[in-house]
Amino acid sequence: MRETYKQYDRLFKAIADETRLKIVDMLSCGEKCACELLSGLNISQPTLSYHMKNLTESGLVTVRKDGSWMRYSINQNQAQELIAFLAAITSDKTDCICKDESKKSSAKCD
């Protein structure tokens, strides 16, 4: 588990933005081209490109070229992995980082 924290860092950073969360929500309805995304957001085309670069580089969103259009969709495999990782780090487990004796502090809270 501990080795996987770093691999999810980029993904969490990608969705840690209000506009990118809106884009992901819009893509939950299915594949969309940039013009469809722009019509639902109050941002410029260069700003959309910046956000899409973050989302595609994280792996959460895929892009395919269709003629002169770029079509975006959610990478369902990556989304499911993110959900599973979040569930794993927010539930009690035998290999929890808090149970790692080498990382425990000798200080006790009263």
PDB file of N, CA and C in Angstrom:
ATOM      1  N   MET A   1       0.823  -1.200   0.000  1.00  0.00           N
ATOM      2  CA  MET A   1       0.000   0.000   0.000  1.00  0.00           C
ATOM      3  C   MET A   1       0.858   1.251   0.000  1.00  0.00           C
ATOM      4  N   ARG A   2       1.898   1.274   0.833  1.00  0.00           N
ATOM      5  CA  ARG A   2       2.688   2.494   0.987  1.00  0.00           C
ATOM      6  C   ARG A   2       3.316   2.965  -0.325  1.00  0.00           C
ATOM      7  N   GLU A   3       3.639   2.044  -1.205  1.00  0.00           N
ATOM      8  CA  GLU A   3       4.260   2.410  -2.479  1.00  0.00           C
ATOM      9  C   GLU A   3       3.258   3.085  -3.411  1.00  0.00           C
ATOM     10  N   THR A   4       1.992   2.899  -3.183  1.00  0.00           N
ATOM     11  CA  THR A   4       0.993   3.425  -4.098  1.00  0.00           C
ATOM     12  C   THR A   4       0.611   4.878  -3.823  1.00  0.00           C
ATOM     13  N   TYR A   5       0.977   5.429  -2.678  1.00  0.00           N
ATOM     14  CA  TYR A   5       0.618   6.814  -2.380  1.00  0.00           C
ATOM     15  C   TYR A   5       1.103   7.752  -3.480  1.00  0.00           C
ATOM     16  N   LYS A   6       2.348   7.606  -3.868  1.00  0.00           N
ATOM     17  CA  LYS A   6       2.938   8.508  -4.862  1.00  0.00           C
ATOM     18  C   LYS A   6       2.231   8.402  -6.213  1.00  0.00           C
ATOM     19  N   GLN A   7       1.836   7.213  -6.612  1.00  0.00           N
ATOM     20  CA  GLN A   7       1.212   7.066  -7.920  1.00  0.00           C
ATOM     21  C   GLN A   7      -0.159   7.754  -7.977  1.00  0.00           C
ATOM     22  N   TYR A   8      -0.822   7.925  -6.847  1.00  0.00           N
ATOM     23  CA  TYR A   8      -2.123   8.599  -6.831  1.00  0.00           C
ATOM     24  C   TYR A   8      -2.009  10.102  -6.581  1.00  0.00           C
ATOM     25  N   ASP A   9      -0.838  10.568  -6.240  1.00  0.00           N
ATOM     26  CA  ASP A   9      -0.612  11.983  -5.981  1.00  0.00           C
ATOM     27  C   ASP A   9      -1.029  12.843  -7.169  1.00  0.00           C
ATOM     28  N   ARG A  10      -0.586  12.507  -8.359  1.00  0.00           N
ATOM     29  CA  ARG A  10      -0.894  13.287  -9.561  1.00  0.00           C
ATOM     30  C   ARG A  10      -2.401  13.276  -9.847  1.00  0.00           C
ATOM     31  N   LEU A  11      -3.031  12.140  -9.611  1.00  0.00           N
ATOM     32  CA  LEU A  11      -4.461  12.019  -9.856  1.00  0.00           C
ATOM     33  C   LEU A  11      -5.269  12.906  -8.913  1.00  0.00           C
ATOM     34  N   PHE A  12      -4.906  12.898  -7.632  1.00  0.00           N
ATOM     35  CA  PHE A  12      -5.601  13.760  -6.679  1.00  0.00           C
ATOM     36  C   PHE A  12      -5.352  15.234  -6.983  1.00  0.00           C
ATOM     37  N   LYS A  13      -4.142  15.571  -7.403  1.00  0.00           N
ATOM     38  CA  LYS A  13      -3.862  16.960  -7.778  1.00  0.00           C
ATOM     39  C   LYS A  13      -4.701  17.372  -8.985  1.00  0.00           C
ATOM     40  N   ALA A  14      -4.898  16.450  -9.905  1.00  0.00           N
ATOM     41  CA  ALA A  14      -5.673  16.754 -11.107  1.00  0.00           C
ATOM     42  C   ALA A  14      -7.126  17.065 -10.781  1.00  0.00           C
ATOM     43  N   ILE A  15      -7.678  16.410  -9.791  1.00  0.00           N
ATOM     44  CA  ILE A  15      -9.089  16.663  -9.474  1.00  0.00           C
ATOM     45  C   ILE A  15      -9.270  17.675  -8.346  1.00  0.00           C
ATOM     46  N   ALA A  16      -8.175  18.200  -7.830  1.00  0.00           N
ATOM     47  CA  ALA A  16      -8.240  19.178  -6.739  1.00  0.00           C
ATOM     48  C   ALA A  16      -8.442  20.590  -7.292  1.00  0.00           C
ATOM     49  N   ASP A  17      -9.393  20.722  -8.182  1.00  0.00           N
ATOM     50  CA  ASP A  17      -9.691  22.009  -8.798  1.00  0.00           C
ATOM     51  C   ASP A  17     -11.175  22.010  -9.166  1.00  0.00           C
ATOM     52  N   GLU A  18     -11.857  23.077  -8.848  1.00  0.00           N
ATOM     53  CA  GLU A  18     -13.307  23.153  -9.076  1.00  0.00           C
ATOM     54  C   GLU A  18     -13.669  22.957 -10.552  1.00  0.00           C
ATOM     55  N   THR A  19     -12.936  23.609 -11.443  1.00  0.00           N
ATOM     56  CA  THR A  19     -13.238  23.488 -12.873  1.00  0.00           C
ATOM     57  C   THR A  19     -13.017  22.067 -13.357  1.00  0.00           C
ATOM     58  N   ARG A  20     -11.919  21.439 -12.934  1.00  0.00           N
ATOM     59  CA  ARG A  20     -11.651  20.071 -13.378  1.00  0.00           C
ATOM     60  C   ARG A  20     -12.679  19.103 -12.813  1.00  0.00           C
ATOM     61  N   LEU A  21     -13.156  19.346 -11.597  1.00  0.00           N
ATOM     62  CA  LEU A  21     -14.227  18.505 -11.056  1.00  0.00           C
ATOM     63  C   LEU A  21     -15.494  18.660 -11.895  1.00  0.00           C
ATOM     64  N   LYS A  22     -15.791  19.865 -12.326  1.00  0.00           N
ATOM     65  CA  LYS A  22     -16.955  20.094 -13.195  1.00  0.00           C
ATOM     66  C   LYS A  22     -16.790  19.362 -14.515  1.00  0.00           C
ATOM     67  N   ILE A  23     -15.587  19.394 -15.067  1.00  0.00           N
ATOM     68  CA  ILE A  23     -15.318  18.697 -16.335  1.00  0.00           C
ATOM     69  C   ILE A  23     -15.535  17.205 -16.164  1.00  0.00           C
ATOM     70  N   VAL A  24     -15.012  16.636 -15.094  1.00  0.00           N
ATOM     71  CA  VAL A  24     -15.208  15.205 -14.841  1.00  0.00           C
ATOM     72  C   VAL A  24     -16.699  14.900 -14.720  1.00  0.00           C
ATOM     73  N   ASP A  25     -17.427  15.757 -14.016  1.00  0.00           N
ATOM     74  CA  ASP A  25     -18.864  15.567 -13.880  1.00  0.00           C
ATOM     75  C   ASP A  25     -19.542  15.605 -15.251  1.00  0.00           C
ATOM     76  N   MET A  26     -19.160  16.553 -16.092  1.00  0.00           N
ATOM     77  CA  MET A  26     -19.733  16.640 -17.442  1.00  0.00           C
ATOM     78  C   MET A  26     -19.422  15.386 -18.254  1.00  0.00           C
ATOM     79  N   LEU A  27     -18.217  14.856 -18.093  1.00  0.00           N
ATOM     80  CA  LEU A  27     -17.822  13.664 -18.843  1.00  0.00           C
ATOM     81  C   LEU A  27     -18.496  12.402 -18.314  1.00  0.00           C
ATOM     82  N   SER A  28     -19.067  12.479 -17.120  1.00  0.00           N
ATOM     83  CA  SER A  28     -19.764  11.305 -16.585  1.00  0.00           C
ATOM     84  C   SER A  28     -20.992  10.966 -17.431  1.00  0.00           C
ATOM     85  N   CYS A  29     -21.448  11.929 -18.228  1.00  0.00           N
ATOM     86  CA  CYS A  29     -22.597  11.708 -19.122  1.00  0.00           C
ATOM     87  C   CYS A  29     -22.159  11.074 -20.442  1.00  0.00           C
ATOM     88  N   GLY A  30     -20.861  10.943 -20.660  1.00  0.00           N
ATOM     89  CA  GLY A  30     -20.350  10.355 -21.893  1.00  0.00           C
ATOM     90  C   GLY A  30     -19.319  11.241 -22.562  1.00  0.00           C
ATOM     91  N   GLU A  31     -18.792  10.739 -23.654  1.00  0.00           N
ATOM     92  CA  GLU A  31     -17.745  11.429 -24.405  1.00  0.00           C
ATOM     93  C   GLU A  31     -18.228  12.807 -24.874  1.00  0.00           C
ATOM     94  N   LYS A  32     -17.330  13.793 -24.780  1.00  0.00           N
ATOM     95  CA  LYS A  32     -17.652  15.152 -25.194  1.00  0.00           C
ATOM     96  C   LYS A  32     -16.464  15.753 -25.933  1.00  0.00           C
ATOM     97  N   CYS A  33     -16.775  16.620 -26.889  1.00  0.00           N
ATOM     98  CA  CYS A  33     -15.712  17.368 -27.556  1.00  0.00           C
ATOM     99  C   CYS A  33     -15.461  18.650 -26.767  1.00  0.00           C
ATOM    100  N   ALA A  34     -14.361  19.297 -27.055  1.00  0.00           N
ATOM    101  CA  ALA A  34     -13.980  20.506 -26.323  1.00  0.00           C
ATOM    102  C   ALA A  34     -15.058  21.581 -26.410  1.00  0.00           C
ATOM    103  N   CYS A  35     -15.700  21.715 -27.569  1.00  0.00           N
ATOM    104  CA  CYS A  35     -16.727  22.755 -27.713  1.00  0.00           C
ATOM    105  C   CYS A  35     -17.915  22.487 -26.802  1.00  0.00           C
ATOM    106  N   GLU A  36     -18.264  21.232 -26.592  1.00  0.00           N
ATOM    107  CA  GLU A  36     -19.358  20.896 -25.670  1.00  0.00           C
ATOM    108  C   GLU A  36     -18.966  21.217 -24.231  1.00  0.00           C
ATOM    109  N   LEU A  37     -17.720  20.950 -23.885  1.00  0.00           N
ATOM    110  CA  LEU A  37     -17.254  21.277 -22.538  1.00  0.00           C
ATOM    111  C   LEU A  37     -17.240  22.787 -22.332  1.00  0.00           C
ATOM    112  N   LEU A  38     -16.769  23.520 -23.326  1.00  0.00           N
ATOM    113  CA  LEU A  38     -16.717  24.975 -23.220  1.00  0.00           C
ATOM    114  C   LEU A  38     -18.101  25.587 -23.043  1.00  0.00           C
ATOM    115  N   SER A  39     -19.090  25.016 -23.699  1.00  0.00           N
ATOM    116  CA  SER A  39     -20.436  25.587 -23.608  1.00  0.00           C
ATOM    117  C   SER A  39     -21.021  25.453 -22.204  1.00  0.00           C
ATOM    118  N   GLY A  40     -20.513  24.509 -21.414  1.00  0.00           N
ATOM    119  CA  GLY A  40     -21.007  24.323 -20.057  1.00  0.00           C
ATOM    120  C   GLY A  40     -20.157  24.993 -18.989  1.00  0.00           C
ATOM    121  N   LEU A  41     -19.082  25.636 -19.407  1.00  0.00           N
ATOM    122  CA  LEU A  41     -18.162  26.272 -18.456  1.00  0.00           C
ATOM    123  C   LEU A  41     -17.963  27.727 -18.827  1.00  0.00           C
ATOM    124  N   ASN A  42     -17.622  28.541 -17.871  1.00  0.00           N
ATOM    125  CA  ASN A  42     -17.365  29.953 -18.128  1.00  0.00           C
ATOM    126  C   ASN A  42     -15.853  30.194 -18.159  1.00  0.00           C
ATOM    127  N   ILE A  43     -15.186  29.533 -19.135  1.00  0.00           N
ATOM    128  CA  ILE A  43     -13.731  29.644 -19.270  1.00  0.00           C
ATOM    129  C   ILE A  43     -13.382  29.790 -20.745  1.00  0.00           C
ATOM    130  N   SER A  44     -12.143  30.213 -21.016  1.00  0.00           N
ATOM    131  CA  SER A  44     -11.677  30.359 -22.394  1.00  0.00           C
ATOM    132  C   SER A  44     -11.149  29.021 -22.920  1.00  0.00           C
ATOM    133  N   GLN A  45     -10.956  28.948 -24.223  1.00  0.00           N
ATOM    134  CA  GLN A  45     -10.422  27.730 -24.828  1.00  0.00           C
ATOM    135  C   GLN A  45      -9.018  27.410 -24.321  1.00  0.00           C
ATOM    136  N   PRO A  46      -8.108  28.402 -24.192  1.00  0.00           N
ATOM    137  CA  PRO A  46      -6.787  28.080 -23.651  1.00  0.00           C
ATOM    138  C   PRO A  46      -6.854  27.543 -22.207  1.00  0.00           C
ATOM    139  N   THR A  47      -7.788  28.076 -21.419  1.00  0.00           N
ATOM    140  CA  THR A  47      -7.943  27.594 -20.047  1.00  0.00           C
ATOM    141  C   THR A  47      -8.457  26.154 -20.049  1.00  0.00           C
ATOM    142  N   LEU A  48      -9.396  25.855 -20.947  1.00  0.00           N
ATOM    143  CA  LEU A  48      -9.883  24.476 -21.058  1.00  0.00           C
ATOM    144  C   LEU A  48      -8.738  23.552 -21.443  1.00  0.00           C
ATOM    145  N   SER A  49      -7.910  23.977 -22.389  1.00  0.00           N
ATOM    146  CA  SER A  49      -6.766  23.152 -22.808  1.00  0.00           C
ATOM    147  C   SER A  49      -5.849  22.853 -21.630  1.00  0.00           C
ATOM    148  N   TYR A  50      -5.608  23.843 -20.796  1.00  0.00           N
ATOM    149  CA  TYR A  50      -4.771  23.652 -19.607  1.00  0.00           C
ATOM    150  C   TYR A  50      -5.382  22.594 -18.685  1.00  0.00           C
ATOM    151  N   HIS A  51      -6.678  22.707 -18.430  1.00  0.00           N
ATOM    152  CA  HIS A  51      -7.339  21.745 -17.544  1.00  0.00           C
ATOM    153  C   HIS A  51      -7.368  20.342 -18.158  1.00  0.00           C
ATOM    154  N   MET A  52      -7.602  20.270 -19.455  1.00  0.00           N
ATOM    155  CA  MET A  52      -7.649  18.957 -20.108  1.00  0.00           C
ATOM    156  C   MET A  52      -6.268  18.297 -20.102  1.00  0.00           C
ATOM    157  N   LYS A  53      -5.233  19.093 -20.224  1.00  0.00           N
ATOM    158  CA  LYS A  53      -3.869  18.546 -20.154  1.00  0.00           C
ATOM    159  C   LYS A  53      -3.635  17.916 -18.784  1.00  0.00           C
ATOM    160  N   ASN A  54      -4.062  18.604 -17.718  1.00  0.00           N
ATOM    161  CA  ASN A  54      -3.913  18.052 -16.378  1.00  0.00           C
ATOM    162  C   ASN A  54      -4.690  16.743 -16.222  1.00  0.00           C
ATOM    163  N   LEU A  55      -5.909  16.734 -16.696  1.00  0.00           N
ATOM    164  CA  LEU A  55      -6.754  15.548 -16.550  1.00  0.00           C
ATOM    165  C   LEU A  55      -6.257  14.378 -17.394  1.00  0.00           C
ATOM    166  N   THR A  56      -5.796  14.653 -18.616  1.00  0.00           N
ATOM    167  CA  THR A  56      -5.324  13.556 -19.457  1.00  0.00           C
ATOM    168  C   THR A  56      -3.975  13.027 -18.977  1.00  0.00           C
ATOM    169  N   GLU A  57      -3.091  13.916 -18.519  1.00  0.00           N
ATOM    170  CA  GLU A  57      -1.796  13.453 -18.012  1.00  0.00           C
ATOM    171  C   GLU A  57      -1.951  12.635 -16.732  1.00  0.00           C
ATOM    172  N   SER A  58      -3.003  12.899 -15.971  1.00  0.00           N
ATOM    173  CA  SER A  58      -3.241  12.121 -14.753  1.00  0.00           C
ATOM    174  C   SER A  58      -3.747  10.719 -15.082  1.00  0.00           C
ATOM    175  N   GLY A  59      -4.297  10.560 -16.279  1.00  0.00           N
ATOM    176  CA  GLY A  59      -4.848   9.272 -16.682  1.00  0.00           C
ATOM    177  C   GLY A  59      -6.337   9.134 -16.415  1.00  0.00           C
ATOM    178  N   LEU A  60      -6.938  10.100 -15.749  1.00  0.00           N
ATOM    179  CA  LEU A  60      -8.362  10.017 -15.441  1.00  0.00           C
ATOM    180  C   LEU A  60      -9.228  10.256 -16.677  1.00  0.00           C
ATOM    181  N   VAL A  61      -8.729  11.058 -17.609  1.00  0.00           N
ATOM    182  CA  VAL A  61      -9.468  11.369 -18.830  1.00  0.00           C
ATOM    183  C   VAL A  61      -8.652  10.914 -20.030  1.00  0.00           C
ATOM    184  N   THR A  62      -9.343  10.325 -20.995  1.00  0.00           N
ATOM    185  CA  THR A  62      -8.689   9.930 -22.242  1.00  0.00           C
ATOM    186  C   THR A  62      -9.139  10.877 -23.340  1.00  0.00           C
ATOM    187  N   VAL A  63      -8.313  10.979 -24.350  1.00  0.00           N
ATOM    188  CA  VAL A  63      -8.617  11.850 -25.483  1.00  0.00           C
ATOM    189  C   VAL A  63      -8.402  11.061 -26.758  1.00  0.00           C
ATOM    190  N   ARG A  64      -9.270  11.301 -27.718  1.00  0.00           N
ATOM    191  CA  ARG A  64      -9.075  10.706 -29.044  1.00  0.00           C
ATOM    192  C   ARG A  64      -9.359  11.765 -30.088  1.00  0.00           C
ATOM    193  N   LYS A  65      -8.588  11.726 -31.142  1.00  0.00           N
ATOM    194  CA  LYS A  65      -8.746  12.687 -32.230  1.00  0.00           C
ATOM    195  C   LYS A  65      -9.766  12.125 -33.213  1.00  0.00           C
ATOM    196  N   ASP A  66     -10.736  12.960 -33.560  1.00  0.00           N
ATOM    197  CA  ASP A  66     -11.783  12.586 -34.511  1.00  0.00           C
ATOM    198  C   ASP A  66     -11.830  13.678 -35.571  1.00  0.00           C
ATOM    199  N   GLY A  67     -11.042  13.508 -36.624  1.00  0.00           N
ATOM    200  CA  GLY A  67     -10.907  14.566 -37.621  1.00  0.00           C
ATOM    201  C   GLY A  67     -10.173  15.738 -36.997  1.00  0.00           C
ATOM    202  N   SER A  68     -10.798  16.911 -37.002  1.00  0.00           N
ATOM    203  CA  SER A  68     -10.180  18.078 -36.374  1.00  0.00           C
ATOM    204  C   SER A  68     -10.642  18.260 -34.929  1.00  0.00           C
ATOM    205  N   TRP A  69     -11.477  17.364 -34.442  1.00  0.00           N
ATOM    206  CA  TRP A  69     -12.028  17.465 -33.084  1.00  0.00           C
ATOM    207  C   TRP A  69     -11.263  16.571 -32.114  1.00  0.00           C
ATOM    208  N   MET A  70     -11.191  17.038 -30.889  1.00  0.00           N
ATOM    209  CA  MET A  70     -10.643  16.228 -29.797  1.00  0.00           C
ATOM    210  C   MET A  70     -11.835  15.803 -28.943  1.00  0.00           C
ATOM    211  N   ARG A  71     -11.954  14.521 -28.699  1.00  0.00           N
ATOM    212  CA  ARG A  71     -13.069  13.993 -27.914  1.00  0.00           C
ATOM    213  C   ARG A  71     -12.522  13.404 -26.618  1.00  0.00           C
ATOM    214  N   TYR A  72     -13.153  13.786 -25.529  1.00  0.00           N
ATOM    215  CA  TYR A  72     -12.686  13.413 -24.196  1.00  0.00           C
ATOM    216  C   TYR A  72     -13.692  12.493 -23.521  1.00  0.00           C
ATOM    217  N   SER A  73     -13.170  11.573 -22.721  1.00  0.00           N
ATOM    218  CA  SER A  73     -14.026  10.689 -21.930  1.00  0.00           C
ATOM    219  C   SER A  73     -13.285  10.273 -20.668  1.00  0.00           C
ATOM    220  N   ILE A  74     -14.047   9.802 -19.714  1.00  0.00           N
ATOM    221  CA  ILE A  74     -13.460   9.323 -18.462  1.00  0.00           C
ATOM    222  C   ILE A  74     -12.835   7.957 -18.694  1.00  0.00           C
ATOM    223  N   ASN A  75     -11.634   7.773 -18.194  1.00  0.00           N
ATOM    224  CA  ASN A  75     -10.977   6.464 -18.203  1.00  0.00           C
ATOM    225  C   ASN A  75     -11.572   5.693 -17.026  1.00  0.00           C
ATOM    226  N   GLN A  76     -12.544   4.843 -17.309  1.00  0.00           N
ATOM    227  CA  GLN A  76     -13.271   4.147 -16.251  1.00  0.00           C
ATOM    228  C   GLN A  76     -12.362   3.257 -15.404  1.00  0.00           C
ATOM    229  N   ASN A  77     -11.346   2.663 -15.999  1.00  0.00           N
ATOM    230  CA  ASN A  77     -10.414   1.844 -15.220  1.00  0.00           C
ATOM    231  C   ASN A  77      -9.694   2.685 -14.177  1.00  0.00           C
ATOM    232  N   GLN A  78      -9.210   3.853 -14.600  1.00  0.00           N
ATOM    233  CA  GLN A  78      -8.497   4.740 -13.676  1.00  0.00           C
ATOM    234  C   GLN A  78      -9.450   5.266 -12.605  1.00  0.00           C
ATOM    235  N   ALA A  79     -10.668   5.584 -12.986  1.00  0.00           N
ATOM    236  CA  ALA A  79     -11.654   6.074 -12.014  1.00  0.00           C
ATOM    237  C   ALA A  79     -11.949   5.006 -10.957  1.00  0.00           C
ATOM    238  N   GLN A  80     -12.097   3.771 -11.378  1.00  0.00           N
ATOM    239  CA  GLN A  80     -12.363   2.689 -10.438  1.00  0.00           C
ATOM    240  C   GLN A  80     -11.166   2.430  -9.521  1.00  0.00           C
ATOM    241  N   GLU A  81      -9.961   2.546 -10.071  1.00  0.00           N
ATOM    242  CA  GLU A  81      -8.764   2.394  -9.244  1.00  0.00           C
ATOM    243  C   GLU A  81      -8.683   3.492  -8.191  1.00  0.00           C
ATOM    244  N   LEU A  82      -9.026   4.713  -8.575  1.00  0.00           N
ATOM    245  CA  LEU A  82      -9.021   5.833  -7.633  1.00  0.00           C
ATOM    246  C   LEU A  82     -10.043   5.605  -6.520  1.00  0.00           C
ATOM    247  N   ILE A  83     -11.216   5.151  -6.879  1.00  0.00           N
ATOM    248  CA  ILE A  83     -12.260   4.865  -5.892  1.00  0.00           C
ATOM    249  C   ILE A  83     -11.796   3.771  -4.938  1.00  0.00           C
ATOM    250  N   ALA A  84     -11.203   2.725  -5.469  1.00  0.00           N
ATOM    251  CA  ALA A  84     -10.724   1.622  -4.635  1.00  0.00           C
ATOM    252  C   ALA A  84      -9.595   2.079  -3.707  1.00  0.00           C
ATOM    253  N   PHE A  85      -8.690   2.907  -4.221  1.00  0.00           N
ATOM    254  CA  PHE A  85      -7.596   3.415  -3.395  1.00  0.00           C
ATOM    255  C   PHE A  85      -8.138   4.271  -2.262  1.00  0.00           C
ATOM    256  N   LEU A  86      -9.062   5.165  -2.567  1.00  0.00           N
ATOM    257  CA  LEU A  86      -9.654   6.015  -1.537  1.00  0.00           C
ATOM    258  C   LEU A  86     -10.377   5.176  -0.489  1.00  0.00           C
ATOM    259  N   ALA A  87     -11.080   4.147  -0.922  1.00  0.00           N
ATOM    260  CA  ALA A  87     -11.747   3.251   0.029  1.00  0.00           C
ATOM    261  C   ALA A  87     -10.719   2.543   0.905  1.00  0.00           C
ATOM    262  N   ALA A  88      -9.608   2.147   0.317  1.00  0.00           N
ATOM    263  CA  ALA A  88      -8.577   1.430   1.076  1.00  0.00           C
ATOM    264  C   ALA A  88      -7.919   2.310   2.130  1.00  0.00           C
ATOM    265  N   ILE A  89      -7.654   3.569   1.800  1.00  0.00           N
ATOM    266  CA  ILE A  89      -6.960   4.414   2.770  1.00  0.00           C
ATOM    267  C   ILE A  89      -7.902   5.022   3.809  1.00  0.00           C
ATOM    268  N   THR A  90      -9.201   4.864   3.617  1.00  0.00           N
ATOM    269  CA  THR A  90     -10.155   5.415   4.584  1.00  0.00           C
ATOM    270  C   THR A  90     -10.846   4.326   5.404  1.00  0.00           C
ATOM    271  N   SER A  91     -10.322   3.108   5.333  1.00  0.00           N
ATOM    272  CA  SER A  91     -10.901   2.020   6.123  1.00  0.00           C
ATOM    273  C   SER A  91      -9.807   1.324   6.926  1.00  0.00           C
ATOM    274  N   ASP A  92     -10.221   0.699   8.021  1.00  0.00           N
ATOM    275  CA  ASP A  92      -9.278  -0.025   8.870  1.00  0.00           C
ATOM    276  C   ASP A  92      -8.812  -1.278   8.147  1.00  0.00           C
ATOM    277  N   LYS A  93      -7.542  -1.580   8.283  1.00  0.00           N
ATOM    278  CA  LYS A  93      -6.967  -2.760   7.627  1.00  0.00           C
ATOM    279  C   LYS A  93      -5.755  -3.238   8.404  1.00  0.00           C
ATOM    280  N   THR A  94      -5.356  -4.451   8.177  1.00  0.00           N
ATOM    281  CA  THR A  94      -4.245  -5.024   8.934  1.00  0.00           C
ATOM    282  C   THR A  94      -2.909  -4.364   8.599  1.00  0.00           C
ATOM    283  N   ASP A  95      -2.752  -3.883   7.379  1.00  0.00           N
ATOM    284  CA  ASP A  95      -1.476  -3.260   6.995  1.00  0.00           C
ATOM    285  C   ASP A  95      -1.553  -1.733   7.016  1.00  0.00           C
ATOM    286  N   CYS A  96      -2.397  -1.188   7.881  1.00  0.00           N
ATOM    287  CA  CYS A  96      -2.562   0.263   7.983  1.00  0.00           C
ATOM    288  C   CYS A  96      -1.244   0.919   8.401  1.00  0.00           C
ATOM    289  N   ILE A  97      -0.986   2.082   7.879  1.00  0.00           N
ATOM    290  CA  ILE A  97       0.243   2.814   8.200  1.00  0.00           C
ATOM    291  C   ILE A  97       0.330   3.111   9.697  1.00  0.00           C
ATOM    292  N   CYS A  98      -0.813   3.272  10.351  1.00  0.00           N
ATOM    293  CA  CYS A  98      -0.805   3.562  11.788  1.00  0.00           C
ATOM    294  C   CYS A  98      -0.381   2.352  12.616  1.00  0.00           C
ATOM    295  N   LYS A  99      -0.369   1.174  12.008  1.00  0.00           N
ATOM    296  CA  LYS A  99       0.025  -0.038  12.723  1.00  0.00           C
ATOM    297  C   LYS A  99       1.477  -0.420  12.459  1.00  0.00           C
ATOM    298  N   ASP A 100       2.159   0.399  11.674  1.00  0.00           N
ATOM    299  CA  ASP A 100       3.560   0.151  11.357  1.00  0.00           C
ATOM    300  C   ASP A 100       4.408   0.588  12.552  1.00  0.00           C
ATOM    301  N   GLU A 101       4.946  -0.363  13.279  1.00  0.00           N
ATOM    302  CA  GLU A 101       5.708  -0.095  14.506  1.00  0.00           C
ATOM    303  C   GLU A 101       6.919   0.798  14.271  1.00  0.00           C
ATOM    304  N   SER A 102       7.547   0.683  13.099  1.00  0.00           N
ATOM    305  CA  SER A 102       8.746   1.494  12.846  1.00  0.00           C
ATOM    306  C   SER A 102       8.413   2.969  12.659  1.00  0.00           C
ATOM    307  N   LYS A 103       7.163   3.312  12.385  1.00  0.00           N
ATOM    308  CA  LYS A 103       6.755   4.698  12.167  1.00  0.00           C
ATOM    309  C   LYS A 103       6.094   5.323  13.388  1.00  0.00           C
ATOM    310  N   LYS A 104       5.799   4.512  14.388  1.00  0.00           N
ATOM    311  CA  LYS A 104       5.088   5.026  15.558  1.00  0.00           C
ATOM    312  C   LYS A 104       5.995   5.919  16.403  1.00  0.00           C
ATOM    313  N   SER A 105       5.404   6.975  16.890  1.00  0.00           N
ATOM    314  CA  SER A 105       6.090   7.898  17.765  1.00  0.00           C
ATOM    315  C   SER A 105       5.986   7.372  19.192  1.00  0.00           C
ATOM    316  N   SER A 106       6.945   7.692  20.001  1.00  0.00           N
ATOM    317  CA  SER A 106       6.883   7.264  21.396  1.00  0.00           C
ATOM    318  C   SER A 106       5.968   8.170  22.218  1.00  0.00           C
ATOM    319  N   ALA A 107       5.580   9.297  21.636  1.00  0.00           N
ATOM    320  CA  ALA A 107       4.686  10.227  22.348  1.00  0.00           C
ATOM    321  C   ALA A 107       3.278   9.669  22.387  1.00  0.00           C
ATOM    322  N   LYS A 108       2.616   9.875  23.510  1.00  0.00           N
ATOM    323  CA  LYS A 108       1.233   9.439  23.706  1.00  0.00           C
ATOM    324  C   LYS A 108       0.400  10.650  24.027  1.00  0.00           C
ATOM    325  N   CYS A 109      -0.793  10.687  23.472  1.00  0.00           N
ATOM    326  CA  CYS A 109      -1.737  11.765  23.773  1.00  0.00           C
ATOM    327  C   CYS A 109      -2.638  11.315  24.929  1.00  0.00           C
ATOM    328  N   ASP A 110      -2.917  12.227  25.816  1.00  0.00           N
ATOM    329  CA  ASP A 110      -3.802  11.900  26.943  1.00  0.00           C
ATOM    330  C   ASP A 110      -5.204  12.374  26.665  1.00  0.00           C
TER     331      ASP A 110
END
